[in-house]
N, C-alpha and C. Protein backbone atom coordinates (compact mmCIF):
# COMPACT_ATOMS: atom_id res chain seq x y z
N MET A 1 -11.60 -10.97 19.78
CA MET A 1 -11.63 -11.39 18.40
C MET A 1 -10.20 -11.64 17.90
N GLU A 2 -10.00 -12.72 17.26
CA GLU A 2 -8.69 -13.07 16.72
C GLU A 2 -8.41 -12.24 15.47
N THR A 3 -7.18 -11.75 15.34
CA THR A 3 -6.78 -11.03 14.14
C THR A 3 -5.57 -11.70 13.51
N GLU A 4 -5.35 -11.39 12.28
CA GLU A 4 -4.26 -11.98 11.51
C GLU A 4 -3.29 -10.89 11.05
N THR A 5 -2.12 -11.32 10.61
CA THR A 5 -1.13 -10.43 10.03
C THR A 5 -0.77 -10.90 8.63
N ALA A 6 -0.21 -10.01 7.83
CA ALA A 6 0.25 -10.35 6.49
C ALA A 6 1.30 -9.33 6.10
N THR A 7 2.09 -9.68 5.12
CA THR A 7 3.07 -8.73 4.57
C THR A 7 2.78 -8.57 3.10
N ILE A 8 2.66 -7.33 2.66
CA ILE A 8 2.47 -7.05 1.24
C ILE A 8 3.83 -6.60 0.68
N SER A 9 4.03 -6.84 -0.62
CA SER A 9 5.28 -6.42 -1.25
C SER A 9 4.99 -6.05 -2.69
N TRP A 10 5.90 -5.29 -3.28
CA TRP A 10 5.75 -4.84 -4.66
C TRP A 10 7.12 -4.65 -5.25
N SER A 11 7.18 -4.53 -6.58
CA SER A 11 8.43 -4.28 -7.26
C SER A 11 8.74 -2.79 -7.20
N ALA A 12 10.01 -2.47 -6.99
CA ALA A 12 10.41 -1.07 -6.93
C ALA A 12 10.23 -0.42 -8.29
N ALA A 13 9.91 0.87 -8.28
CA ALA A 13 9.82 1.64 -9.53
C ALA A 13 11.19 1.71 -10.18
N ALA A 14 11.24 1.90 -11.51
CA ALA A 14 12.52 1.99 -12.22
C ALA A 14 13.41 3.05 -11.60
N SER A 15 12.84 4.15 -11.21
CA SER A 15 13.57 5.15 -10.41
C SER A 15 12.70 5.43 -9.19
N ALA A 16 13.30 5.39 -8.03
CA ALA A 16 12.55 5.53 -6.78
C ALA A 16 11.76 6.83 -6.76
N PRO A 17 10.53 6.80 -6.23
CA PRO A 17 9.77 8.05 -6.11
C PRO A 17 10.47 9.00 -5.18
N GLY A 18 10.19 10.28 -5.33
CA GLY A 18 10.86 11.31 -4.54
C GLY A 18 10.63 11.18 -3.04
N ILE A 19 9.43 10.80 -2.63
CA ILE A 19 9.12 10.79 -1.22
C ILE A 19 8.83 9.39 -0.66
N ALA A 20 7.87 8.71 -1.26
CA ALA A 20 7.38 7.48 -0.63
C ALA A 20 6.58 6.63 -1.62
N TYR A 21 6.20 5.48 -1.11
CA TYR A 21 5.17 4.65 -1.74
C TYR A 21 3.95 4.73 -0.84
N ASP A 22 2.78 5.05 -1.43
CA ASP A 22 1.53 5.00 -0.69
C ASP A 22 0.93 3.62 -0.91
N TYR A 23 0.28 3.07 0.09
CA TYR A 23 -0.38 1.79 -0.09
C TYR A 23 -1.81 1.89 0.44
N TYR A 24 -2.64 0.98 -0.07
CA TYR A 24 -4.03 0.91 0.31
C TYR A 24 -4.42 -0.55 0.30
N TYR A 25 -5.12 -1.00 1.33
CA TYR A 25 -5.63 -2.37 1.32
C TYR A 25 -7.07 -2.39 1.81
N SER A 26 -7.82 -3.36 1.30
CA SER A 26 -9.24 -3.43 1.58
C SER A 26 -9.75 -4.83 1.26
N PRO A 27 -10.82 -5.28 1.92
CA PRO A 27 -11.43 -6.56 1.56
C PRO A 27 -12.29 -6.43 0.28
N THR A 28 -12.43 -5.22 -0.22
CA THR A 28 -13.20 -4.97 -1.46
C THR A 28 -12.23 -4.74 -2.61
N ASN A 29 -12.45 -5.42 -3.71
CA ASN A 29 -11.54 -5.31 -4.87
C ASN A 29 -11.86 -4.07 -5.69
N THR A 30 -11.79 -2.92 -5.07
CA THR A 30 -12.01 -1.64 -5.74
C THR A 30 -10.88 -0.70 -5.37
N ALA A 31 -10.14 -0.23 -6.35
CA ALA A 31 -9.02 0.67 -6.08
C ALA A 31 -9.51 1.96 -5.45
N PRO A 32 -8.69 2.56 -4.59
CA PRO A 32 -9.09 3.82 -3.97
C PRO A 32 -9.15 4.94 -5.01
N THR A 33 -9.88 5.98 -4.69
CA THR A 33 -9.97 7.11 -5.59
C THR A 33 -9.10 8.27 -5.15
N THR A 34 -8.74 8.33 -3.89
CA THR A 34 -7.91 9.45 -3.41
C THR A 34 -6.83 8.96 -2.45
N THR A 35 -7.13 8.92 -1.18
CA THR A 35 -6.09 8.63 -0.18
C THR A 35 -5.84 7.14 0.01
N GLY A 36 -4.69 6.85 0.60
CA GLY A 36 -4.33 5.48 0.87
C GLY A 36 -4.48 5.16 2.34
N THR A 37 -4.10 3.95 2.70
CA THR A 37 -4.12 3.51 4.09
C THR A 37 -2.90 4.04 4.83
N GLY A 38 -1.78 4.15 4.13
CA GLY A 38 -0.55 4.64 4.74
C GLY A 38 0.53 4.79 3.70
N SER A 39 1.76 5.03 4.16
CA SER A 39 2.87 5.15 3.24
C SER A 39 4.14 4.63 3.90
N VAL A 40 5.12 4.31 3.06
CA VAL A 40 6.43 3.86 3.52
C VAL A 40 7.49 4.64 2.74
N ALA A 41 8.70 4.67 3.25
CA ALA A 41 9.80 5.40 2.61
C ALA A 41 10.01 4.91 1.19
N ASN A 42 10.59 5.76 0.36
CA ASN A 42 10.79 5.43 -1.05
C ASN A 42 11.80 4.31 -1.28
N THR A 43 12.48 3.84 -0.26
CA THR A 43 13.42 2.73 -0.39
C THR A 43 12.84 1.41 0.10
N VAL A 44 11.60 1.42 0.56
CA VAL A 44 10.96 0.24 1.15
C VAL A 44 9.97 -0.35 0.13
N VAL A 45 9.96 -1.68 -0.01
CA VAL A 45 9.04 -2.33 -0.95
C VAL A 45 8.22 -3.43 -0.27
N THR A 46 8.09 -3.37 1.05
CA THR A 46 7.23 -4.27 1.79
C THR A 46 6.56 -3.52 2.93
N LYS A 47 5.44 -4.05 3.40
CA LYS A 47 4.76 -3.47 4.54
C LYS A 47 4.05 -4.59 5.29
N ALA A 48 4.30 -4.68 6.60
CA ALA A 48 3.60 -5.65 7.44
C ALA A 48 2.26 -5.04 7.86
N LEU A 49 1.22 -5.82 7.72
CA LEU A 49 -0.13 -5.39 8.10
C LEU A 49 -0.58 -6.22 9.29
N SER A 50 -1.35 -5.64 10.17
CA SER A 50 -1.86 -6.37 11.32
C SER A 50 -3.33 -6.01 11.54
N GLY A 51 -3.99 -6.73 12.40
CA GLY A 51 -5.38 -6.47 12.69
C GLY A 51 -6.34 -6.90 11.60
N LEU A 52 -5.90 -7.83 10.77
CA LEU A 52 -6.74 -8.30 9.65
C LEU A 52 -7.74 -9.35 10.15
N ASP A 53 -8.89 -9.35 9.51
CA ASP A 53 -9.90 -10.37 9.86
C ASP A 53 -9.50 -11.72 9.28
N PRO A 54 -9.57 -12.78 10.09
CA PRO A 54 -9.24 -14.12 9.58
C PRO A 54 -10.20 -14.55 8.48
N ALA A 55 -9.74 -15.42 7.60
CA ALA A 55 -10.57 -15.98 6.53
C ALA A 55 -11.16 -14.90 5.63
N THR A 56 -10.46 -13.79 5.48
CA THR A 56 -10.90 -12.69 4.62
C THR A 56 -9.83 -12.45 3.56
N THR A 57 -10.24 -12.32 2.31
CA THR A 57 -9.31 -11.97 1.26
C THR A 57 -9.15 -10.47 1.23
N TYR A 58 -7.91 -10.02 1.18
CA TYR A 58 -7.62 -8.59 1.09
C TYR A 58 -6.94 -8.30 -0.24
N TYR A 59 -7.19 -7.12 -0.77
CA TYR A 59 -6.59 -6.63 -2.00
C TYR A 59 -5.77 -5.41 -1.64
N TYR A 60 -4.68 -5.17 -2.38
CA TYR A 60 -3.92 -3.97 -2.09
C TYR A 60 -3.41 -3.31 -3.37
N TRP A 61 -3.16 -2.02 -3.25
CA TRP A 61 -2.69 -1.19 -4.34
C TRP A 61 -1.55 -0.34 -3.80
N VAL A 62 -0.60 -0.01 -4.68
CA VAL A 62 0.55 0.82 -4.31
C VAL A 62 0.74 1.87 -5.40
N ARG A 63 1.15 3.07 -4.97
CA ARG A 63 1.47 4.12 -5.95
C ARG A 63 2.72 4.88 -5.47
N SER A 64 3.37 5.53 -6.41
CA SER A 64 4.54 6.37 -6.09
C SER A 64 4.08 7.75 -5.69
N ASP A 65 4.70 8.29 -4.67
CA ASP A 65 4.47 9.67 -4.22
C ASP A 65 5.74 10.44 -4.52
N CYS A 66 5.68 11.26 -5.56
CA CYS A 66 6.89 11.96 -6.01
C CYS A 66 7.27 13.17 -5.18
N ASP A 67 6.26 13.96 -4.78
CA ASP A 67 6.59 15.18 -4.05
C ASP A 67 5.48 15.62 -3.08
N GLY A 68 4.59 14.76 -2.74
CA GLY A 68 3.49 15.12 -1.84
C GLY A 68 2.21 15.47 -2.57
N THR A 69 2.32 15.98 -3.80
CA THR A 69 1.11 16.28 -4.57
C THR A 69 1.12 15.53 -5.91
N ASP A 70 2.29 15.26 -6.46
CA ASP A 70 2.41 14.54 -7.72
C ASP A 70 2.53 13.05 -7.40
N LYS A 71 1.46 12.29 -7.71
CA LYS A 71 1.44 10.86 -7.38
C LYS A 71 1.01 10.05 -8.59
N SER A 72 1.53 8.85 -8.70
CA SER A 72 1.12 7.99 -9.79
C SER A 72 -0.28 7.47 -9.55
N SER A 73 -0.83 6.80 -10.53
CA SER A 73 -2.14 6.17 -10.32
C SER A 73 -1.92 4.91 -9.50
N TRP A 74 -2.96 4.41 -8.90
CA TRP A 74 -2.89 3.18 -8.11
C TRP A 74 -2.65 2.05 -9.08
């Protein structure tokens, strides 16, 4: 099966989160309620995604992870 890649990006927070940015992506336009798909360092504002289904629209959300338990909303 053929898969596709994409890169998501977002604007940095006014002050960088303490730990990371969590991200979540899905073909369903419904924000997650708890966990994300993954995370990147607090200095990174892009993420390359792979293994995506062709001809499928994906939606993504990003939140700040301040200390492992204190996180912004999606």
